[in-house]
């Protein structure tokens, strides 16, 4: 992941015309619902959208790969004089909220504006996400998040105290764990593949990098890298990548919307996600360290 991707910037670039048309239609159909600050016009004639600016986007997580998001825009509205004796007009400003929904697994090709209204205050999202599509997980909610994770993938651990078997966890999540060299310098501890791809991995026997086909839902763990940390690091890495799969697929799909060749998240031996923006990376890694 080359940089901190912005969902707001993406939907602005891709769907601006859809937002504009929706606001334009709403203004034409609901002129009486607008809070227009008229100074020059005596009798309201035509009301039309002249310009529009997207102010911010609020995003909420949904099951699977769906999201819902509120797009808040400011419209510059031109109000024409209705009395033909005058040719005055006013420029007014009104904020609108467009409630939208889409499926990242479909690259938002199913994007839909469900409703539009004048904006009064920000709605509270049930499961808020950052502009990079990383879920907000607050410190006081960590136990609840971990319990929900176990309930979905390892419910027996909630009934009887037990050690978590990372390979069994991965199997329950439909993930395939492979122990294999990843890099020559052991800089990458583990990586999870979100899409089928051709991977460049190190072959220590041949002492060179080789190209191999990797299926989506594959986790690579370097069995040698754990010597740089401790004997439990391989198990920790498997769980770490499992949680990445569960919590950060949507952040990864946002990267895919910008860069269709992206296929994986790589985790460094020293901690963090390699080749990713620091802000989004730090937030994801903080979640991984505390949810394990």
C-alpha atoms as a PDB file:
ATOM      1  CA  UNK A   1       0.000   0.000   0.000  1.00  0.00           C
ATOM      2  CA  UNK A   2       1.906   2.968  -1.330  1.00  0.00           C
ATOM      3  CA  UNK A   3       0.217   5.806   0.486  1.00  0.00           C
ATOM      4  CA  UNK A   4      -2.669   6.762   2.711  1.00  0.00           C
ATOM      5  CA  UNK A   5      -5.614   6.507   0.316  1.00  0.00           C
ATOM      6  CA  UNK A   6      -8.614   8.772   0.742  1.00  0.00           C
ATOM      7  CA  UNK A   7     -12.129   7.435   0.303  1.00  0.00           C
ATOM      8  CA  UNK A   8     -13.438  11.007   0.159  1.00  0.00           C
ATOM      9  CA  UNK A   9     -11.120  11.862  -2.707  1.00  0.00           C
ATOM     10  CA  UNK A  10     -12.044   8.669  -4.544  1.00  0.00           C
ATOM     11  CA  UNK A  11     -15.812   9.132  -4.418  1.00  0.00           C
ATOM     12  CA  UNK A  12     -15.397  12.820  -5.235  1.00  0.00           C
ATOM     13  CA  UNK A  13     -13.450  12.005  -8.381  1.00  0.00           C
ATOM     14  CA  UNK A  14     -15.672   9.121  -9.443  1.00  0.00           C
ATOM     15  CA  UNK A  15     -19.180  10.135  -8.377  1.00  0.00           C
ATOM     16  CA  UNK A  16     -19.149  13.931  -8.345  1.00  0.00           C
ATOM     17  CA  UNK A  17     -21.534  14.126 -11.288  1.00  0.00           C
ATOM     18  CA  UNK A  18     -23.932  11.711  -9.557  1.00  0.00           C
ATOM     19  CA  UNK A  19     -23.909  13.857  -6.413  1.00  0.00           C
ATOM     20  CA  UNK A  20     -24.360  17.035  -8.441  1.00  0.00           C
ATOM     21  CA  UNK A  21     -27.321  15.627 -10.388  1.00  0.00           C
ATOM     22  CA  UNK A  22     -28.983  14.408  -7.187  1.00  0.00           C
ATOM     23  CA  UNK A  23     -28.630  17.791  -5.477  1.00  0.00           C
ATOM     24  CA  UNK A  24     -29.767  19.595  -8.618  1.00  0.00           C
ATOM     25  CA  UNK A  25     -32.886  17.410  -8.832  1.00  0.00           C
ATOM     26  CA  UNK A  26     -33.623  17.852  -5.114  1.00  0.00           C
ATOM     27  CA  UNK A  27     -33.435  21.642  -5.420  1.00  0.00           C
ATOM     28  CA  UNK A  28     -35.762  21.635  -8.416  1.00  0.00           C
ATOM     29  CA  UNK A  29     -38.301  19.399  -6.665  1.00  0.00           C
ATOM     30  CA  UNK A  30     -38.104  20.908  -3.159  1.00  0.00           C
ATOM     31  CA  UNK A  31     -37.478  24.670  -3.389  1.00  0.00           C
ATOM     32  CA  UNK A  32     -39.678  25.304  -0.348  1.00  0.00           C
ATOM     33  CA  UNK A  33     -37.454  23.117   1.850  1.00  0.00           C
ATOM     34  CA  UNK A  34     -34.376  25.237   1.206  1.00  0.00           C
ATOM     35  CA  UNK A  35     -33.161  27.744   3.780  1.00  0.00           C
ATOM     36  CA  UNK A  36     -32.311  30.539   1.362  1.00  0.00           C
ATOM     37  CA  UNK A  37     -30.845  33.822   2.584  1.00  0.00           C
ATOM     38  CA  UNK A  38     -32.503  36.141   0.059  1.00  0.00           C
ATOM     39  CA  UNK A  39     -31.547  39.831   0.066  1.00  0.00           C
ATOM     40  CA  UNK A  40     -32.058  41.186  -3.420  1.00  0.00           C
ATOM     41  CA  UNK A  41     -34.878  39.065  -4.847  1.00  0.00           C
ATOM     42  CA  UNK A  42     -38.407  40.268  -4.099  1.00  0.00           C
ATOM     43  CA  UNK A  43     -40.306  37.352  -5.609  1.00  0.00           C
ATOM     44  CA  UNK A  44     -38.575  34.007  -6.001  1.00  0.00           C
ATOM     45  CA  UNK A  45     -38.496  32.854  -9.578  1.00  0.00           C
ATOM     46  CA  UNK A  46     -36.028  30.246 -10.726  1.00  0.00           C
ATOM     47  CA  UNK A  47     -33.885  28.349  -8.217  1.00  0.00           C
ATOM     48  CA  UNK A  48     -30.862  26.539  -9.657  1.00  0.00           C
ATOM     49  CA  UNK A  49     -27.654  24.887  -8.500  1.00  0.00           C
ATOM     50  CA  UNK A  50     -24.615  26.774  -9.782  1.00  0.00           C
ATOM     51  CA  UNK A  51     -21.660  25.143  -8.003  1.00  0.00           C
ATOM     52  CA  UNK A  52     -21.156  22.353  -5.478  1.00  0.00           C
ATOM     53  CA  UNK A  53     -18.347  21.417  -3.095  1.00  0.00           C
ATOM     54  CA  UNK A  54     -17.999  18.182  -1.130  1.00  0.00           C
ATOM     55  CA  UNK A  55     -17.205  19.140   2.458  1.00  0.00           C
ATOM     56  CA  UNK A  56     -16.675  15.728   4.079  1.00  0.00           C
ATOM     57  CA  UNK A  57     -17.739  12.067   4.022  1.00  0.00           C
ATOM     58  CA  UNK A  58     -18.743   9.942   7.027  1.00  0.00           C
ATOM     59  CA  UNK A  59     -18.361   6.176   6.587  1.00  0.00           C
ATOM     60  CA  UNK A  60     -19.901   3.229   8.430  1.00  0.00           C
ATOM     61  CA  UNK A  61     -18.894  -0.435   8.265  1.00  0.00           C
ATOM     62  CA  UNK A  62     -21.422  -3.049   7.111  1.00  0.00           C
ATOM     63  CA  UNK A  63     -21.248  -6.869   6.891  1.00  0.00           C
ATOM     64  CA  UNK A  64     -19.052  -8.516   4.279  1.00  0.00           C
ATOM     65  CA  UNK A  65     -17.547  -5.842   1.987  1.00  0.00           C
ATOM     66  CA  UNK A  66     -20.409  -3.328   2.006  1.00  0.00           C
ATOM     67  CA  UNK A  67     -20.230   0.171   3.426  1.00  0.00           C
ATOM     68  CA  UNK A  68     -22.653   3.030   3.820  1.00  0.00           C
ATOM     69  CA  UNK A  69     -21.526   6.624   3.737  1.00  0.00           C
ATOM     70  CA  UNK A  70     -22.958  10.101   4.106  1.00  0.00           C
ATOM     71  CA  UNK A  71     -21.656  12.692   1.665  1.00  0.00           C
ATOM     72  CA  UNK A  72     -22.009  16.260   2.934  1.00  0.00           C
ATOM     73  CA  UNK A  73     -21.954  18.917   0.221  1.00  0.00           C
ATOM     74  CA  UNK A  74     -22.356  22.664   0.030  1.00  0.00           C
ATOM     75  CA  UNK A  75     -24.356  23.933  -2.904  1.00  0.00           C
ATOM     76  CA  UNK A  76     -24.143  27.428  -4.344  1.00  0.00           C
ATOM     77  CA  UNK A  77     -27.703  28.232  -5.401  1.00  0.00           C
ATOM     78  CA  UNK A  78     -28.744  31.032  -7.720  1.00  0.00           C
ATOM     79  CA  UNK A  79     -32.209  32.464  -6.994  1.00  0.00           C
ATOM     80  CA  UNK A  80     -33.687  34.463  -9.848  1.00  0.00           C
ATOM     81  CA  UNK A  81     -36.216  37.275  -9.601  1.00  0.00           C
ATOM     82  CA  UNK A  82     -39.781  36.197 -10.420  1.00  0.00           C
ATOM     83  CA  UNK A  83     -41.115  39.689 -11.036  1.00  0.00           C
ATOM     84  CA  UNK A  84     -40.318  40.686 -14.605  1.00  0.00           C
ATOM     85  CA  UNK A  85     -39.997  44.325 -13.523  1.00  0.00           C
ATOM     86  CA  UNK A  86     -36.713  43.436 -11.861  1.00  0.00           C
ATOM     87  CA  UNK A  87     -33.647  41.531 -12.962  1.00  0.00           C
ATOM     88  CA  UNK A  88     -32.073  40.972  -9.545  1.00  0.00           C
ATOM     89  CA  UNK A  89     -30.779  37.626  -8.266  1.00  0.00           C
ATOM     90  CA  UNK A  90     -29.247  36.183  -5.115  1.00  0.00           C
ATOM     91  CA  UNK A  91     -26.468  33.691  -4.516  1.00  0.00           C
ATOM     92  CA  UNK A  92     -27.264  31.474  -1.530  1.00  0.00           C
ATOM     93  CA  UNK A  93     -25.535  28.546   0.102  1.00  0.00           C
ATOM     94  CA  UNK A  94     -27.152  25.356   1.405  1.00  0.00           C
ATOM     95  CA  UNK A  95     -25.640  22.172   2.812  1.00  0.00           C
ATOM     96  CA  UNK A  96     -27.048  18.774   1.814  1.00  0.00           C
ATOM     97  CA  UNK A  97     -26.560  15.213   3.019  1.00  0.00           C
ATOM     98  CA  UNK A  98     -26.580  12.332   0.538  1.00  0.00           C
ATOM     99  CA  UNK A  99     -26.892   8.882   2.113  1.00  0.00           C
ATOM    100  CA  UNK A 100     -25.115   6.322  -0.044  1.00  0.00           C
ATOM    101  CA  UNK A 101     -24.219   2.650  -0.077  1.00  0.00           C
ATOM    102  CA  UNK A 102     -21.889   0.382  -2.042  1.00  0.00           C
ATOM    103  CA  UNK A 103     -20.032  -2.922  -2.110  1.00  0.00           C
ATOM    104  CA  UNK A 104     -16.236  -2.819  -2.261  1.00  0.00           C
ATOM    105  CA  UNK A 105     -16.187  -6.396  -3.546  1.00  0.00           C
ATOM    106  CA  UNK A 106     -17.904  -4.969  -6.635  1.00  0.00           C
ATOM    107  CA  UNK A 107     -15.512  -1.998  -6.782  1.00  0.00           C
ATOM    108  CA  UNK A 108     -18.501   0.208  -5.852  1.00  0.00           C
ATOM    109  CA  UNK A 109     -20.051  -0.487  -9.254  1.00  0.00           C
ATOM    110  CA  UNK A 110     -23.344  -0.930  -7.392  1.00  0.00           C
ATOM    111  CA  UNK A 111     -23.028   2.550  -5.834  1.00  0.00           C
ATOM    112  CA  UNK A 112     -26.398   4.034  -4.967  1.00  0.00           C
ATOM    113  CA  UNK A 113     -27.691   7.256  -3.426  1.00  0.00           C
ATOM    114  CA  UNK A 114     -30.472   6.097  -1.118  1.00  0.00           C
ATOM    115  CA  UNK A 115     -31.713   9.518  -0.019  1.00  0.00           C
ATOM    116  CA  UNK A 116     -30.921  13.227   0.040  1.00  0.00           C
ATOM    117  CA  UNK A 117     -31.975  15.988   2.398  1.00  0.00           C
ATOM    118  CA  UNK A 118     -30.871  19.354   3.679  1.00  0.00           C
ATOM    119  CA  UNK A 119     -28.101  18.985   6.239  1.00  0.00           C
ATOM    120  CA  UNK A 120     -28.644  19.885   9.875  1.00  0.00           C
ATOM    121  CA  UNK A 121     -26.114  17.891  11.844  1.00  0.00           C
ATOM    122  CA  UNK A 122     -23.734  14.989  11.420  1.00  0.00           C
ATOM    123  CA  UNK A 123     -25.315  11.567  11.783  1.00  0.00           C
ATOM    124  CA  UNK A 124     -23.742   9.137  14.235  1.00  0.00           C
ATOM    125  CA  UNK A 125     -22.437   6.119  12.369  1.00  0.00           C
ATOM    126  CA  UNK A 126     -23.012   2.697  13.959  1.00  0.00           C
ATOM    127  CA  UNK A 127     -19.552   1.385  13.034  1.00  0.00           C
ATOM    128  CA  UNK A 128     -17.482   4.406  11.995  1.00  0.00           C
ATOM    129  CA  UNK A 129     -14.460   4.098   9.735  1.00  0.00           C
ATOM    130  CA  UNK A 130     -11.627   6.461   8.906  1.00  0.00           C
ATOM    131  CA  UNK A 131     -11.203   8.091   5.508  1.00  0.00           C
ATOM    132  CA  UNK A 132      -8.742   5.262   4.760  1.00  0.00           C
ATOM    133  CA  UNK A 133     -11.507   2.712   5.567  1.00  0.00           C
ATOM    134  CA  UNK A 134      -9.807   1.542   8.741  1.00  0.00           C
ATOM    135  CA  UNK A 135     -12.425   0.825  11.436  1.00  0.00           C
ATOM    136  CA  UNK A 136     -12.279   3.032  14.502  1.00  0.00           C
ATOM    137  CA  UNK A 137     -11.556   0.822  17.503  1.00  0.00           C
ATOM    138  CA  UNK A 138     -11.247   2.692  20.761  1.00  0.00           C
ATOM    139  CA  UNK A 139      -9.251   1.460  23.727  1.00  0.00           C
ATOM    140  CA  UNK A 140     -12.348   0.977  25.871  1.00  0.00           C
ATOM    141  CA  UNK A 141     -13.914  -1.224  23.145  1.00  0.00           C
ATOM    142  CA  UNK A 142     -10.995  -3.630  22.676  1.00  0.00           C
ATOM    143  CA  UNK A 143     -12.484  -6.395  24.840  1.00  0.00           C
ATOM    144  CA  UNK A 144     -15.784  -6.165  22.981  1.00  0.00           C
ATOM    145  CA  UNK A 145     -14.030  -6.292  19.605  1.00  0.00           C
ATOM    146  CA  UNK A 146     -11.911  -9.287  20.624  1.00  0.00           C
ATOM    147  CA  UNK A 147     -14.984 -11.093  21.954  1.00  0.00           C
ATOM    148  CA  UNK A 148     -16.846 -10.485  18.704  1.00  0.00           C
ATOM    149  CA  UNK A 149     -13.868 -11.820  16.725  1.00  0.00           C
ATOM    150  CA  UNK A 150     -13.782 -15.027  18.801  1.00  0.00           C
ATOM    151  CA  UNK A 151     -17.563 -15.420  18.630  1.00  0.00           C
ATOM    152  CA  UNK A 152     -17.416 -15.471  14.847  1.00  0.00           C
ATOM    153  CA  UNK A 153     -14.312 -17.608  14.341  1.00  0.00           C
ATOM    154  CA  UNK A 154     -13.345 -19.423  17.554  1.00  0.00           C
ATOM    155  CA  UNK A 155     -16.442 -19.568  19.824  1.00  0.00           C
ATOM    156  CA  UNK A 156     -15.166 -22.475  21.908  1.00  0.00           C
ATOM    157  CA  UNK A 157     -12.555 -20.136  23.414  1.00  0.00           C
ATOM    158  CA  UNK A 158     -15.386 -18.099  24.963  1.00  0.00           C
ATOM    159  CA  UNK A 159     -16.789 -21.165  26.735  1.00  0.00           C
ATOM    160  CA  UNK A 160     -13.645 -22.740  28.163  1.00  0.00           C
ATOM    161  CA  UNK A 161     -10.280 -21.012  28.781  1.00  0.00           C
ATOM    162  CA  UNK A 162      -7.828 -22.346  26.197  1.00  0.00           C
ATOM    163  CA  UNK A 163      -4.827 -21.449  24.117  1.00  0.00           C
ATOM    164  CA  UNK A 164      -5.646 -20.251  20.628  1.00  0.00           C
ATOM    165  CA  UNK A 165      -4.411 -22.580  17.888  1.00  0.00           C
ATOM    166  CA  UNK A 166      -3.387 -20.128  15.120  1.00  0.00           C
ATOM    167  CA  UNK A 167      -3.506 -22.752  12.356  1.00  0.00           C
ATOM    168  CA  UNK A 168      -6.998 -23.823  13.403  1.00  0.00           C
ATOM    169  CA  UNK A 169      -8.066 -20.172  13.552  1.00  0.00           C
ATOM    170  CA  UNK A 170      -6.801 -19.611  10.011  1.00  0.00           C
ATOM    171  CA  UNK A 171      -8.594 -22.754   8.836  1.00  0.00           C
ATOM    172  CA  UNK A 172     -11.857 -21.605  10.400  1.00  0.00           C
ATOM    173  CA  UNK A 173     -11.466 -18.287   8.557  1.00  0.00           C
ATOM    174  CA  UNK A 174     -10.833 -20.054   5.246  1.00  0.00           C
ATOM    175  CA  UNK A 175      -7.199 -18.916   5.165  1.00  0.00           C
ATOM    176  CA  UNK A 176      -4.290 -21.071   4.010  1.00  0.00           C
ATOM    177  CA  UNK A 177      -1.036 -20.701   5.986  1.00  0.00           C
ATOM    178  CA  UNK A 178       2.249 -21.429   4.233  1.00  0.00           C
ATOM    179  CA  UNK A 179       5.677 -21.374   5.917  1.00  0.00           C
ATOM    180  CA  UNK A 180       8.112 -20.100   3.323  1.00  0.00           C
ATOM    181  CA  UNK A 181      11.023 -17.734   2.910  1.00  0.00           C
ATOM    182  CA  UNK A 182       9.733 -14.300   1.946  1.00  0.00           C
ATOM    183  CA  UNK A 183      12.794 -12.045   1.662  1.00  0.00           C
ATOM    184  CA  UNK A 184      16.531 -12.606   1.626  1.00  0.00           C
ATOM    185  CA  UNK A 185      17.170 -10.174   4.497  1.00  0.00           C
ATOM    186  CA  UNK A 186      14.250 -11.459   6.649  1.00  0.00           C
ATOM    187  CA  UNK A 187      12.723  -7.982   6.657  1.00  0.00           C
ATOM    188  CA  UNK A 188       9.208  -9.296   6.029  1.00  0.00           C
ATOM    189  CA  UNK A 189       7.814 -11.433   8.828  1.00  0.00           C
ATOM    190  CA  UNK A 190       4.449 -12.291   7.296  1.00  0.00           C
ATOM    191  CA  UNK A 191       2.056 -11.276   4.553  1.00  0.00           C
ATOM    192  CA  UNK A 192      -1.564 -11.952   3.713  1.00  0.00           C
ATOM    193  CA  UNK A 193      -2.870 -12.023   0.133  1.00  0.00           C
ATOM    194  CA  UNK A 194      -6.284 -10.511  -0.538  1.00  0.00           C
ATOM    195  CA  UNK A 195      -6.301 -11.320  -4.262  1.00  0.00           C
ATOM    196  CA  UNK A 196      -4.811 -13.927  -6.586  1.00  0.00           C
ATOM    197  CA  UNK A 197      -1.435 -12.701  -7.780  1.00  0.00           C
ATOM    198  CA  UNK A 198       2.062 -13.510  -8.928  1.00  0.00           C
ATOM    199  CA  UNK A 199       4.400 -13.192  -5.938  1.00  0.00           C
ATOM    200  CA  UNK A 200       8.156 -12.665  -5.808  1.00  0.00           C
ATOM    201  CA  UNK A 201       9.483 -14.685  -2.869  1.00  0.00           C
ATOM    202  CA  UNK A 202      12.982 -15.700  -1.891  1.00  0.00           C
ATOM    203  CA  UNK A 203      14.215 -19.259  -2.434  1.00  0.00           C
ATOM    204  CA  UNK A 204      17.039 -19.828   0.043  1.00  0.00           C
ATOM    205  CA  UNK A 205      18.141 -23.057  -1.674  1.00  0.00           C
ATOM    206  CA  UNK A 206      18.537 -21.341  -5.045  1.00  0.00           C
ATOM    207  CA  UNK A 207      19.630 -18.085  -3.337  1.00  0.00           C
ATOM    208  CA  UNK A 208      17.385 -16.030  -5.612  1.00  0.00           C
ATOM    209  CA  UNK A 209      13.885 -14.610  -5.857  1.00  0.00           C
ATOM    210  CA  UNK A 210      11.387 -16.716  -7.749  1.00  0.00           C
ATOM    211  CA  UNK A 211       7.954 -15.946  -9.149  1.00  0.00           C
ATOM    212  CA  UNK A 212       5.044 -18.079  -7.974  1.00  0.00           C
ATOM    213  CA  UNK A 213       1.253 -17.942  -8.264  1.00  0.00           C
ATOM    214  CA  UNK A 214      -0.489 -17.235  -4.963  1.00  0.00           C
ATOM    215  CA  UNK A 215      -4.200 -17.594  -4.317  1.00  0.00           C
ATOM    216  CA  UNK A 216      -6.247 -15.080  -2.387  1.00  0.00           C
ATOM    217  CA  UNK A 217      -6.682 -15.927   1.317  1.00  0.00           C
ATOM    218  CA  UNK A 218      -3.072 -17.141   1.591  1.00  0.00           C
ATOM    219  CA  UNK A 219      -0.843 -16.207   4.531  1.00  0.00           C
ATOM    220  CA  UNK A 220       2.937 -16.485   4.125  1.00  0.00           C
ATOM    221  CA  UNK A 221       5.037 -16.658   7.290  1.00  0.00           C
ATOM    222  CA  UNK A 222       8.829 -16.723   7.150  1.00  0.00           C
ATOM    223  CA  UNK A 223       9.874 -19.568   9.487  1.00  0.00           C
ATOM    224  CA  UNK A 224      13.404 -18.145   9.850  1.00  0.00           C
ATOM    225  CA  UNK A 225      12.404 -14.633  10.834  1.00  0.00           C
ATOM    226  CA  UNK A 226      11.190 -15.679  14.274  1.00  0.00           C
ATOM    227  CA  UNK A 227      14.829 -16.069  15.385  1.00  0.00           C
ATOM    228  CA  UNK A 228      15.031 -12.279  15.253  1.00  0.00           C
ATOM    229  CA  UNK A 229      12.332 -12.002  17.921  1.00  0.00           C
ATOM    230  CA  UNK A 230      11.189 -15.041  19.929  1.00  0.00           C
ATOM    231  CA  UNK A 231       9.970 -18.604  19.521  1.00  0.00           C
ATOM    232  CA  UNK A 232       6.306 -17.611  19.667  1.00  0.00           C
ATOM    233  CA  UNK A 233       6.579 -15.078  16.884  1.00  0.00           C
ATOM    234  CA  UNK A 234       5.389 -17.442  14.125  1.00  0.00           C
ATOM    235  CA  UNK A 235       2.126 -18.136  15.951  1.00  0.00           C
ATOM    236  CA  UNK A 236       1.709 -14.442  16.735  1.00  0.00           C
ATOM    237  CA  UNK A 237       2.274 -13.584  13.086  1.00  0.00           C
ATOM    238  CA  UNK A 238      -0.392 -16.030  11.903  1.00  0.00           C
ATOM    239  CA  UNK A 239      -2.945 -14.534  14.293  1.00  0.00           C
ATOM    240  CA  UNK A 240      -1.774 -11.050  13.304  1.00  0.00           C
ATOM    241  CA  UNK A 241      -2.429 -11.732   9.612  1.00  0.00           C
ATOM    242  CA  UNK A 242      -5.794 -13.334  10.418  1.00  0.00           C
ATOM    243  CA  UNK A 243      -6.909 -10.163  12.162  1.00  0.00           C
ATOM    244  CA  UNK A 244      -5.636  -8.093   9.224  1.00  0.00           C
ATOM    245  CA  UNK A 245      -7.897 -10.170   6.976  1.00  0.00           C
ATOM    246  CA  UNK A 246     -10.902  -9.614   9.204  1.00  0.00           C
ATOM    247  CA  UNK A 247     -10.458  -5.928  10.001  1.00  0.00           C
ATOM    248  CA  UNK A 248      -8.580  -4.367   7.106  1.00  0.00           C
ATOM    249  CA  UNK A 249      -9.903  -5.913   3.899  1.00  0.00           C
ATOM    250  CA  UNK A 250     -11.869  -2.756   3.186  1.00  0.00           C
ATOM    251  CA  UNK A 251      -8.826  -0.529   3.629  1.00  0.00           C
ATOM    252  CA  UNK A 252      -7.046  -2.833   1.222  1.00  0.00           C
ATOM    253  CA  UNK A 253      -9.896  -2.717  -1.294  1.00  0.00           C
ATOM    254  CA  UNK A 254      -9.671   1.073  -1.222  1.00  0.00           C
ATOM    255  CA  UNK A 255      -6.027   0.677  -2.220  1.00  0.00           C
ATOM    256  CA  UNK A 256      -7.197  -1.602  -5.040  1.00  0.00           C
ATOM    257  CA  UNK A 257      -9.551   1.099  -6.289  1.00  0.00           C
ATOM    258  CA  UNK A 258      -6.489   3.304  -6.747  1.00  0.00           C
ATOM    259  CA  UNK A 259      -4.040   0.572  -7.708  1.00  0.00           C
ATOM    260  CA  UNK A 260      -5.504  -2.567  -9.290  1.00  0.00           C
ATOM    261  CA  UNK A 261      -2.172  -4.425  -9.043  1.00  0.00           C
ATOM    262  CA  UNK A 262      -2.177  -4.409  -5.223  1.00  0.00           C
ATOM    263  CA  UNK A 263      -2.633  -7.874  -3.754  1.00  0.00           C
ATOM    264  CA  UNK A 264      -1.246  -8.119  -0.210  1.00  0.00           C
ATOM    265  CA  UNK A 265      -0.280  -6.539   3.086  1.00  0.00           C
ATOM    266  CA  UNK A 266       3.305  -7.198   4.192  1.00  0.00           C
ATOM    267  CA  UNK A 267       4.286  -6.978   7.864  1.00  0.00           C
ATOM    268  CA  UNK A 268       7.842  -6.086   8.808  1.00  0.00           C
ATOM    269  CA  UNK A 269       9.880  -7.939  11.394  1.00  0.00           C
ATOM    270  CA  UNK A 270      10.308  -4.718  13.357  1.00  0.00           C
ATOM    271  CA  UNK A 271       6.570  -4.054  13.295  1.00  0.00           C
ATOM    272  CA  UNK A 272       4.337  -2.103  10.966  1.00  0.00           C
ATOM    273  CA  UNK A 273       3.138  -2.633   7.424  1.00  0.00           C
ATOM    274  CA  UNK A 274       5.776  -2.358   4.747  1.00  0.00           C
ATOM    275  CA  UNK A 275       5.231  -0.041   1.767  1.00  0.00           C
ATOM    276  CA  UNK A 276       2.290   1.745   3.380  1.00  0.00           C
ATOM    277  CA  UNK A 277       1.469   5.199   4.640  1.00  0.00           C
ATOM    278  CA  UNK A 278       2.499   5.824   8.208  1.00  0.00           C
ATOM    279  CA  UNK A 279      -0.823   7.194   9.482  1.00  0.00           C
ATOM    280  CA  UNK A 280      -3.030   4.341   8.245  1.00  0.00           C
ATOM    281  CA  UNK A 281      -0.320   1.800   9.039  1.00  0.00           C
ATOM    282  CA  UNK A 282       0.139   2.929  12.628  1.00  0.00           C
ATOM    283  CA  UNK A 283      -3.599   2.782  13.233  1.00  0.00           C
ATOM    284  CA  UNK A 284      -3.923  -0.723  11.759  1.00  0.00           C
ATOM    285  CA  UNK A 285      -0.896  -2.024  13.636  1.00  0.00           C
ATOM    286  CA  UNK A 286      -2.131  -0.553  16.918  1.00  0.00           C
ATOM    287  CA  UNK A 287      -5.342  -2.488  16.417  1.00  0.00           C
ATOM    288  CA  UNK A 288      -3.480  -5.704  15.556  1.00  0.00           C
ATOM    289  CA  UNK A 289      -1.205  -5.510  18.598  1.00  0.00           C
ATOM    290  CA  UNK A 290      -4.121  -5.042  20.972  1.00  0.00           C
ATOM    291  CA  UNK A 291      -6.653  -7.399  19.405  1.00  0.00           C
ATOM    292  CA  UNK A 292      -4.347 -10.438  19.489  1.00  0.00           C
END
